[in-house]
Amino acid sequence: MAFLDINMPGISGFELIAQIRRQPEIAQMPIVLVTAEGHIANSMRAKWANSRF
């Protein structure tokens, strides 16, 4: 399981999730997005990325 913040230096959590999902050996790894931002758009993006928010 991986815990990621949406806002990270150099790459966003969503960009990192996309990279993880393209790697067959770790694509099914559970991912939890942790952030202080409560925007509904981030919640929807997390669901689209098959992640918990």
Protein backbone atom coordinates (compact mmCIF):
# COMPACT_ATOMS: atom_id res chain seq x y z
CA MET A 1 0.00 0.00 0.00
CA ALA A 2 1.23 3.49 -0.82
CA PHE A 3 0.25 6.77 0.83
CA LEU A 4 0.72 9.82 -1.40
CA ASP A 5 0.07 13.53 -1.04
CA ILE A 6 -1.52 15.33 -3.96
CA ASN A 7 1.04 18.15 -3.69
CA MET A 8 4.62 16.89 -3.84
CA PRO A 9 7.79 18.55 -5.12
CA GLY A 10 8.41 17.90 -8.79
CA ILE A 11 5.38 15.69 -9.49
CA SER A 12 1.77 15.65 -8.34
CA GLY A 13 0.28 12.65 -6.60
CA PHE A 14 -2.04 12.15 -9.57
CA GLU A 15 0.89 12.06 -11.98
CA LEU A 16 2.66 9.51 -9.79
CA ILE A 17 -0.48 7.35 -9.66
CA ALA A 18 -0.63 7.38 -13.47
CA GLN A 19 2.99 6.19 -13.60
CA ILE A 20 2.32 3.44 -11.05
CA ARG A 21 -0.78 2.22 -12.91
CA ARG A 22 1.29 1.84 -16.12
CA GLN A 23 3.67 -0.61 -14.39
CA PRO A 24 2.09 -4.11 -14.58
CA GLU A 25 3.98 -5.46 -11.56
CA ILE A 26 2.62 -2.75 -9.22
CA ALA A 27 -0.49 -1.52 -11.06
CA GLN A 28 -2.89 -3.14 -8.58
CA MET A 29 -1.16 -1.75 -5.50
CA PRO A 30 -3.65 0.02 -3.19
CA ILE A 31 -3.04 3.78 -3.07
CA VAL A 32 -4.38 6.27 -0.54
CA LEU A 33 -4.22 9.99 -1.30
CA VAL A 34 -3.56 12.11 1.77
CA THR A 35 -4.03 15.86 1.57
CA ALA A 36 -5.37 18.86 3.42
CA GLU A 37 -7.30 19.87 0.30
CA GLY A 38 -10.96 18.87 0.40
CA HIS A 39 -11.91 19.85 -3.15
CA ILE A 40 -14.59 17.65 -4.72
CA ALA A 41 -12.56 17.66 -7.96
CA ASN A 42 -9.68 15.92 -6.16
CA SER A 43 -12.07 13.31 -4.80
CA MET A 44 -13.38 12.61 -8.30
CA ARG A 45 -9.85 12.43 -9.74
CA ALA A 46 -8.88 9.96 -7.02
CA LYS A 47 -11.83 7.71 -7.88
CA TRP A 48 -10.92 7.90 -11.57
CA ALA A 49 -7.35 6.85 -10.65
CA ASN A 50 -8.70 3.87 -8.67
CA SER A 51 -7.42 5.37 -5.39
CA ARG A 52 -8.92 6.25 -2.05
CA PHE A 53 -9.12 9.90 -1.07
